[in-house]
Protein backbone atom coordinates (compact mmCIF):
# COMPACT_ATOMS: atom_id res chain seq x y z
CA MET A 1 39.77 77.97 29.50
CA GLU A 2 39.53 80.52 32.31
CA GLN A 3 40.97 83.93 31.47
CA TYR A 4 43.51 85.75 33.64
CA THR A 5 43.59 89.12 31.95
CA LYS A 6 44.52 91.64 34.64
CA PRO A 7 48.12 92.86 34.36
CA THR A 8 49.20 92.18 37.94
CA VAL A 9 52.58 90.48 37.41
CA LEU A 10 55.79 92.54 37.16
CA PHE A 11 59.07 91.25 35.77
CA VAL A 12 61.97 93.36 37.08
CA ASP A 13 65.13 93.05 34.95
CA MET A 14 68.17 94.91 36.30
CA ASN A 15 70.06 96.55 33.43
CA SER A 16 73.74 95.57 32.99
CA PHE A 17 73.62 94.48 36.61
CA PHE A 18 77.20 93.44 37.37
CA ALA A 19 78.70 96.45 35.62
CA SER A 20 76.16 98.81 37.20
CA CYS A 21 77.07 97.50 40.67
CA GLU A 22 80.73 98.29 39.93
CA GLN A 23 79.77 101.76 38.75
CA GLN A 24 77.65 102.22 41.86
CA VAL A 25 80.57 101.63 44.22
CA ASN A 26 83.21 103.38 42.08
CA PHE A 27 82.22 106.87 40.96
CA TYR A 28 85.18 106.95 38.55
CA LEU A 29 83.56 104.22 36.44
CA ARG A 30 80.29 106.04 35.87
CA ASP A 31 79.48 107.10 32.30
CA ARG A 32 82.43 105.01 31.11
CA PRO A 33 82.36 101.75 29.15
CA VAL A 34 83.02 98.98 31.69
CA ALA A 35 83.46 95.24 31.14
CA VAL A 36 83.19 92.84 34.08
CA CYS A 37 85.50 89.87 33.45
CA VAL A 38 86.55 86.78 35.34
CA TYR A 39 90.15 87.73 34.56
CA THR A 40 91.41 91.00 33.10
CA GLY A 41 94.24 89.54 31.04
CA ARG A 42 94.02 89.98 27.26
CA GLN A 43 92.48 86.49 26.91
CA GLY A 44 89.86 87.23 29.58
CA CYS A 45 86.19 86.89 28.71
CA VAL A 46 83.63 89.71 29.03
CA ILE A 47 80.73 88.39 31.10
CA ALA A 48 78.92 91.68 31.71
CA PRO A 49 79.37 94.86 29.65
CA SER A 50 77.96 98.13 30.97
CA ILE A 51 75.24 100.05 29.18
CA GLU A 52 77.89 102.42 27.79
CA ALA A 53 80.04 99.49 26.57
CA LYS A 54 77.09 97.82 24.84
CA LYS A 55 76.44 101.00 22.87
CA LEU A 56 80.03 100.85 21.61
CA GLY A 57 79.75 97.27 20.40
CA VAL A 58 81.04 95.27 23.39
CA ARG A 59 79.11 92.03 23.74
CA LEU A 60 78.80 89.27 26.28
CA GLY A 61 81.33 86.52 25.58
CA MET A 62 83.87 88.71 23.77
CA ARG A 63 87.54 88.15 24.51
CA LEU A 64 88.99 91.18 26.24
CA ASP A 65 91.56 91.91 23.54
CA GLU A 66 88.78 91.84 20.92
CA ALA A 67 86.56 94.06 23.08
CA THR A 68 89.26 96.69 23.56
CA GLN A 69 89.79 96.85 19.80
CA SER A 70 86.08 97.56 19.38
CA CYS A 71 86.08 100.00 22.30
CA PRO A 72 89.58 101.45 23.03
CA GLY A 73 88.38 103.24 26.17
CA LEU A 74 86.99 100.06 27.75
CA VAL A 75 87.68 99.66 31.48
CA PRO A 76 88.01 95.98 32.51
CA VAL A 77 86.97 95.10 36.07
CA GLU A 78 87.36 91.74 37.75
CA ILE A 79 84.18 90.04 38.93
CA ASN A 80 83.14 90.53 42.57
CA ALA A 81 80.50 87.87 43.21
CA GLN A 82 79.90 88.79 46.84
CA ARG A 83 79.18 92.41 45.89
CA TYR A 84 76.49 91.36 43.40
CA ARG A 85 74.92 89.01 45.94
CA GLU A 86 74.66 91.88 48.43
CA PHE A 87 73.04 94.20 45.88
CA HIS A 88 70.66 91.40 44.86
CA GLY A 89 69.65 90.92 48.50
CA ALA A 90 69.04 94.65 48.98
CA ILE A 91 66.86 94.77 45.85
CA ILE A 92 64.80 91.79 47.07
CA GLU A 93 64.22 93.59 50.38
CA VAL A 94 62.87 96.61 48.50
CA LEU A 95 60.56 94.48 46.36
CA ARG A 96 59.17 92.67 49.40
CA THR A 97 57.94 95.96 50.80
CA PHE A 98 55.33 95.86 48.02
CA THR A 99 54.25 92.21 48.33
CA PRO A 100 55.46 88.96 49.90
CA ASP A 101 55.00 87.27 46.50
CA VAL A 102 58.50 87.94 45.17
CA PHE A 103 60.15 85.21 43.10
CA PRO A 104 63.83 85.70 42.14
CA LYS A 105 64.46 84.03 38.78
CA SER A 106 68.16 84.90 38.52
CA ILE A 107 70.54 87.29 40.21
CA ASP A 108 69.31 90.16 38.02
CA GLU A 109 65.69 89.12 37.31
CA VAL A 110 62.77 88.99 39.73
CA VAL A 111 59.05 88.34 39.36
CA VAL A 112 56.81 90.49 41.59
CA ASP A 113 53.25 89.12 41.72
CA LEU A 114 50.67 91.68 42.84
CA THR A 115 47.67 89.43 42.15
CA ARG A 116 46.84 89.08 45.85
CA CYS A 117 47.34 92.82 46.44
CA GLN A 118 44.92 94.26 43.88
CA LEU A 119 42.89 96.10 46.52
CA MET A 120 46.06 97.86 47.68
CA TYR A 121 47.29 98.90 44.25
CA LYS A 122 44.84 100.41 41.81
CA ASP A 123 47.53 101.49 39.32
CA VAL A 124 50.13 98.79 38.66
CA GLY A 125 52.07 101.13 36.38
CA GLU A 126 52.52 103.52 39.27
CA VAL A 127 53.78 100.64 41.42
CA ALA A 128 56.40 99.86 38.77
CA ARG A 129 57.55 103.47 38.71
CA GLN A 130 57.76 103.46 42.52
CA ILE A 131 59.86 100.30 42.43
CA LYS A 132 62.30 102.00 40.06
CA SER A 133 62.47 105.00 42.37
CA ASP A 134 62.94 102.93 45.53
CA ILE A 135 65.76 100.90 44.01
CA ARG A 136 67.57 104.10 43.10
CA THR A 137 67.05 105.77 46.48
CA LYS A 138 67.37 102.76 48.80
CA VAL A 139 69.88 100.53 46.99
CA GLY A 140 71.90 102.60 44.52
CA ASP A 141 71.34 105.72 42.47
CA TRP A 142 73.22 104.21 39.48
CA LEU A 143 71.06 101.08 39.29
CA ARG A 144 68.43 100.95 36.56
CA CYS A 145 65.86 98.31 35.70
CA SER A 146 63.42 97.55 32.93
CA ILE A 147 59.99 96.33 34.06
CA GLY A 148 57.41 94.39 32.12
CA ILE A 149 53.81 94.20 33.35
CA ALA A 150 51.37 91.53 32.20
CA PRO A 151 48.84 88.97 33.41
CA ASN A 152 51.57 86.31 33.67
CA ALA A 153 55.30 86.12 34.20
CA PHE A 154 56.10 84.95 30.66
CA LEU A 155 54.54 88.00 29.04
CA ALA A 156 55.92 90.27 31.75
CA LYS A 157 59.43 88.98 30.97
CA LEU A 158 58.79 89.59 27.29
CA GLY A 159 57.73 93.16 28.08
CA SER A 160 60.80 93.82 30.22
CA GLY A 161 63.04 93.17 27.23
CA LEU A 162 61.26 95.47 24.78
CA GLN A 163 62.58 98.77 26.12
CA LYS A 164 66.13 98.83 27.49
CA PRO A 165 67.56 100.38 29.50
CA ASP A 166 65.15 101.70 32.13
CA GLY A 167 62.01 100.68 30.21
CA LEU A 168 58.43 100.10 31.30
CA VAL A 169 56.06 98.09 29.08
CA MET A 170 52.58 96.76 29.88
CA ILE A 171 51.06 93.87 27.89
CA THR A 172 47.30 93.31 28.05
CA PRO A 173 44.76 91.37 25.96
CA GLU A 174 44.12 94.62 24.07
CA THR A 175 47.80 95.25 23.22
CA ILE A 176 49.34 91.80 22.88
CA ASP A 177 48.80 91.41 19.13
CA ASP A 178 50.43 94.79 18.44
CA VAL A 179 53.39 93.72 20.59
CA LEU A 180 53.80 90.33 18.92
CA LYS A 181 53.41 91.43 15.30
CA ASP A 182 56.83 93.07 15.16
CA LEU A 183 58.72 90.22 16.86
CA SER A 184 60.32 87.00 15.68
CA LEU A 185 59.89 83.62 17.36
CA THR A 186 63.34 83.81 18.97
CA ASP A 187 62.35 87.09 20.64
CA LEU A 188 60.01 85.08 22.90
CA PRO A 189 61.55 83.88 26.19
CA GLY A 190 62.60 80.25 26.00
CA ILE A 191 62.52 79.87 22.21
CA GLY A 192 65.94 79.27 20.70
CA GLN A 193 66.84 78.85 17.06
CA ARG A 194 66.35 75.09 17.05
CA MET A 195 62.81 75.33 18.45
CA ALA A 196 62.06 78.22 16.07
CA ASN A 197 63.18 76.06 13.15
CA ARG A 198 60.91 73.24 14.32
CA LEU A 199 57.91 75.57 14.62
CA GLN A 200 58.57 77.19 11.24
CA ALA A 201 58.87 73.79 9.56
CA GLN A 202 55.28 73.15 10.68
CA GLY A 203 54.00 76.49 9.39
CA ILE A 204 54.18 78.43 12.67
CA LEU A 205 56.27 81.30 11.36
CA THR A 206 55.64 84.18 13.78
CA PRO A 207 54.68 84.79 17.42
CA LEU A 208 51.14 85.61 16.22
CA ASP A 209 50.96 82.23 14.50
CA LEU A 210 52.08 80.66 17.77
CA ARG A 211 49.43 82.54 19.75
CA TYR A 212 46.58 81.44 17.50
CA ALA A 213 47.72 77.85 16.90
CA LEU A 214 45.50 75.18 18.44
CA PRO A 215 46.97 73.76 21.67
CA GLU A 216 46.65 70.21 20.35
CA ARG A 217 48.74 71.16 17.33
CA LEU A 218 51.39 72.76 19.54
CA ARG A 219 51.65 69.62 21.64
CA VAL A 220 52.38 67.60 18.52
CA VAL A 221 54.81 70.12 17.00
CA CYS A 222 56.80 70.55 20.22
CA ASN A 223 56.50 66.91 21.18
CA SER A 224 56.09 67.97 24.82
CA ILE A 225 53.85 69.84 27.21
CA ILE A 226 55.79 73.06 26.50
CA GLY A 227 53.50 73.67 23.50
CA TRP A 228 50.50 73.68 25.82
CA HIS A 229 52.35 76.02 28.17
CA TRP A 230 52.98 78.53 25.37
CA HIS A 231 49.31 78.42 24.45
CA LEU A 232 48.34 79.21 28.06
CA ARG A 233 50.85 82.05 28.38
CA LEU A 234 50.00 83.75 25.10
CA ASN A 235 46.25 83.41 25.60
CA PHE A 236 46.02 84.45 29.27
CA GLY A 237 45.25 80.98 30.54
CA GLY A 238 46.92 81.41 33.91
CA GLU A 239 50.39 81.25 35.40
CA VAL A 240 52.79 78.46 34.48
CA GLU A 241 55.81 77.55 36.62
CA LEU A 242 56.03 80.77 38.62
CA GLU A 243 57.59 79.08 41.61
CA THR A 244 61.28 78.28 41.43
CA VAL A 245 61.48 74.68 40.28
CA GLU A 246 63.51 71.88 41.85
CA TYR A 247 67.03 71.27 40.64
CA LYS A 248 67.26 69.28 37.42
CA SER A 249 71.04 69.62 37.37
CA MET A 250 73.87 71.45 39.13
CA GLN A 251 76.99 72.82 37.50
CA ALA A 252 80.28 74.20 38.79
CA MET A 253 82.42 76.01 36.22
CA ARG A 254 85.62 78.05 36.25
CA THR A 255 87.59 80.03 33.69
CA VAL A 256 91.35 79.51 33.92
CA SER A 257 93.89 82.30 33.59
CA ALA A 258 97.05 82.04 31.47
CA GLY A 259 99.27 81.72 34.54
CA GLN A 260 97.18 78.96 36.09
CA ARG A 261 97.18 76.92 32.87
CA GLN A 262 100.93 76.47 33.18
CA SER A 263 100.62 74.50 36.44
CA PRO A 264 99.29 70.92 36.28
CA GLU A 265 98.94 71.01 40.07
CA GLN A 266 96.66 74.05 39.97
CA LEU A 267 94.55 72.51 37.21
CA ASP A 268 94.18 69.39 39.32
CA GLU A 269 93.22 71.49 42.33
CA LEU A 270 90.66 73.26 40.19
CA LEU A 271 89.01 69.98 39.25
CA GLN A 272 88.88 69.02 42.92
CA SER A 273 87.34 72.40 43.78
CA LEU A 274 84.57 71.90 41.22
CA CYS A 275 83.71 68.51 42.68
CA LEU A 276 83.76 69.90 46.22
CA SER A 277 81.40 72.70 45.19
CA LEU A 278 78.92 70.18 43.81
CA GLU A 279 79.24 67.98 46.90
CA ARG A 280 78.32 70.96 49.07
CA ARG A 281 75.25 71.77 46.97
CA MET A 282 74.04 68.18 46.87
CA ILE A 283 74.38 67.86 50.63
CA LYS A 284 72.46 71.11 51.06
CA GLN A 285 69.64 69.75 48.88
CA ASP A 286 69.89 66.27 50.45
CA VAL A 287 70.27 64.51 47.10
CA PHE A 288 72.64 62.11 45.36
CA CYS A 289 73.44 62.23 41.63
CA GLN A 290 73.38 59.41 39.12
CA ASP A 291 74.94 61.22 36.12
CA VAL A 292 78.16 63.28 35.97
CA THR A 293 79.44 65.32 33.03
CA PHE A 294 82.89 66.83 32.66
CA TYR A 295 83.40 69.48 29.98
CA CYS A 296 86.31 71.70 29.06
CA ARG A 297 87.12 74.18 26.29
CA TYR A 298 90.48 74.98 24.75
CA HIS A 299 91.75 78.22 23.24
CA ASP A 300 91.89 76.76 19.75
CA GLY A 301 88.15 76.09 19.77
CA ARG A 302 88.33 72.37 20.61
CA ASN A 303 86.40 70.88 23.50
CA TYR A 304 86.29 67.64 25.48
CA CYS A 305 83.15 66.19 27.04
CA ASP A 306 82.70 63.02 29.07
CA GLU A 307 79.27 61.89 30.26
CA ILE A 308 79.38 59.32 33.06
CA LYS A 309 76.53 57.20 34.40
CA LEU A 310 77.39 56.23 37.95
CA PRO A 311 77.04 52.57 38.95
CA GLU A 312 75.53 53.78 42.24
CA PRO A 313 74.16 57.22 43.26
CA GLY A 314 77.03 59.47 44.33
CA GLN A 315 77.64 62.57 46.42
CA ASP A 316 81.24 62.40 47.65
CA SER A 317 83.47 64.92 45.89
CA MET A 318 86.65 62.85 45.95
CA GLU A 319 84.86 59.83 44.52
CA LEU A 320 83.61 62.01 41.65
CA TYR A 321 87.07 63.51 41.18
CA THR A 322 88.75 60.09 41.15
CA LEU A 323 86.27 58.71 38.64
CA ILE A 324 86.76 61.68 36.27
CA ARG A 325 90.56 61.35 36.53
CA GLN A 326 90.39 57.63 35.80
CA ARG A 327 88.34 58.33 32.69
CA PHE A 328 90.93 60.93 31.63
CA GLY A 329 93.66 58.35 31.90
CA ARG A 330 91.85 55.73 29.84
CA PHE A 331 90.97 58.26 27.13
CA GLN A 332 94.55 59.53 26.91
CA ASP A 333 95.96 56.00 26.76
CA VAL A 334 93.58 54.86 24.02
CA ASP A 335 93.81 58.04 21.87
CA ARG A 336 97.49 58.75 22.66
CA CYS A 337 96.59 62.43 22.96
CA GLU A 338 97.95 65.29 25.00
CA PRO A 339 96.74 65.52 28.63
CA ILE A 340 93.12 66.62 28.99
CA LEU A 341 94.21 69.18 31.61
CA SER A 342 96.79 70.87 29.39
CA CYS A 343 98.25 74.35 29.10
CA SER A 344 95.80 75.22 26.31
CA ILE A 345 92.68 74.77 28.46
CA ARG A 346 90.44 77.83 28.76
CA SER A 347 87.64 76.68 31.06
CA MET A 348 86.30 73.54 32.68
CA SER A 349 83.05 72.48 34.27
CA VAL A 350 81.56 69.56 36.13
CA SER A 351 77.81 69.02 36.26
CA VAL A 352 75.65 66.46 38.04
CA SER A 353 72.08 65.42 37.28
CA ARG A 354 69.41 62.72 37.59
CA PHE A 355 69.07 63.25 41.32
CA MET A 356 67.79 60.81 43.91
CA PRO A 357 66.65 61.94 47.39
CA ALA A 358 69.13 60.82 50.03
CA GLN A 359 66.42 58.86 51.86
CA LEU A 360 65.86 56.68 48.77
CA VAL A 361 69.50 55.82 48.06
CA PRO A 362 69.79 52.03 48.38
CA PHE A 363 72.44 50.37 50.50
CA SER A 364 75.50 49.29 48.55
CA LEU A 365 75.93 45.54 48.06
CA PHE A 366 79.69 45.85 48.44
CA GLU A 367 80.29 48.59 50.99
CA ASN A 368 78.47 50.11 53.94
CA ASN A 369 78.41 53.83 53.09
CA THR A 370 75.93 54.86 55.77
CA ARG A 371 78.50 56.10 58.28
CA LYS A 372 80.50 57.93 55.60
CA ASN A 373 77.38 59.65 54.24
CA THR A 374 76.30 60.64 57.75
CA LEU A 375 79.75 62.01 58.56
CA ARG A 376 79.84 64.02 55.33
CA LYS A 377 76.51 65.67 56.17
CA ALA A 378 77.65 66.33 59.76
CA VAL A 379 80.76 68.15 58.48
CA TYR A 380 78.61 70.57 56.48
CA ASP A 381 76.23 71.07 59.40
CA VAL A 382 79.23 72.19 61.46
CA LYS A 383 80.36 74.48 58.62
CA ALA A 384 76.91 76.05 58.41
CA LYS A 385 76.76 76.68 62.15
CA PHE A 386 80.32 77.78 62.95
CA GLY A 387 81.80 78.90 59.62
CA SER A 388 83.24 77.18 56.56
CA ASP A 389 86.83 77.42 57.83
CA LYS A 390 86.25 75.76 61.22
CA ILE A 391 86.35 72.22 59.90
CA MET A 392 87.81 71.29 56.54
CA ARG A 393 88.68 68.26 54.47
CA ALA A 394 92.33 67.90 53.54
CA THR A 395 91.47 68.60 49.90
CA GLU A 396 90.05 72.00 50.91
CA LEU A 397 93.36 73.24 52.33
CA ARG A 398 95.05 75.62 49.90
CA ASP A 399 97.83 78.12 50.56
CA HIS A 400 96.57 80.46 47.85
CA PRO A 401 93.00 79.87 46.61
CA VAL A 402 93.14 81.38 43.13
CA PHE A 403 90.07 80.29 41.24
CA ARG A 404 87.25 82.68 40.56
CA THR A 405 83.64 81.63 40.26
CA VAL A 406 82.03 82.25 36.89
CA MET A 407 78.82 83.72 38.25
CA GLY A 408 76.04 83.30 35.74
CA PHE A 409 72.73 85.07 35.27
CA GLY A 410 70.66 81.90 35.33
CA SER A 411 69.91 80.07 38.52
CA ILE A 412 70.03 81.85 41.88
CA LYS A 413 69.49 78.77 43.99
CA ASP A 414 73.03 78.90 45.37
CA LEU A 415 73.32 82.64 46.05
CA ASP A 416 73.29 81.99 49.78
CA ASP A 417 75.82 79.18 49.48
CA ASP A 418 78.62 79.41 52.00
CA GLN A 419 81.60 81.36 50.79
CA ASN A 420 84.10 78.53 50.99
CA PRO A 421 85.85 78.82 47.59
CA PHE A 422 85.98 75.03 47.37
């Protein structure tokens, strides 16, 4: 196996990004515990605590009333997705002044690959320090990042999480064992508790055990190629999956406020908006879905999930919406339960998966959908060229759009999505 041992890959992890952006634009929030929330009512959920709030025990996912008990001085701030997109874009511009090989992995995480620029940069650590300085001077003086440096992105990401906030850690063949010996399996990126349990059941108890396990054994234990990938990453066998991968699924999710839960009409509009959001993304990627999943959570801890396999590949939002509503009705009739979209609902999501390229979608035996599919794509072409409000479907017309996007830290594929709330 060829060795790739030079630490030329940087993983830039912005610290408490959403909250830091709010502190950047509002001087009054600086040095105070801040919690970015979808809604700031007492039942609101903390999606991004500031560095100061984390030190006082506020955690991601806390309910706001619980968080304020833990931290009485907590300042709740409603999410501003467009603001974070703009800061993300400005940070990417700074990073691209160092190399064109910049790979955003999420809105607050970016891989910077200096492998092709080794003649330009003799000291990669100095480059990392310059990146920190340029982000502060060119984007925002309150923004901090932790940077990991390693021969591949996996180890660089691991390094970025070892010193927070504002850390800088380099992992090399000479230092990797010292780094791994104090960690648990779940400290490694991508290893959750279930995978850790599987590894430990086969005698792979620590990250060092994982590093020195034979690749053939890892393939068997993991029952997939991921075991081979971990062997490559931990033993400097080259880069794995640095490029942003194709969509495997798309999800649209919203958290619902107490006032909105009282209106069946608004809940129905919310479901339509989720389906419209997914329609827009599928059209942008020129794909149709074959699987649809609806999921919602309630305040008492219950949840409802319905997985639907479409009889034919789908893309139209109202067809997805109608199908989900029909399934609701059948479930409620059979189980004689309260409405799925009830006043106790806390959040809902719709996801689509098992994609098929639009060019490969077969003609329907019962209906000619070609003209409808072409028209749908033409509508979004017009939106992209002239603005999302210049041509709209009837279902997109709302007097008071009230639903806020739950903007996650995972995928960034839709950061440049048009700003139509539906």
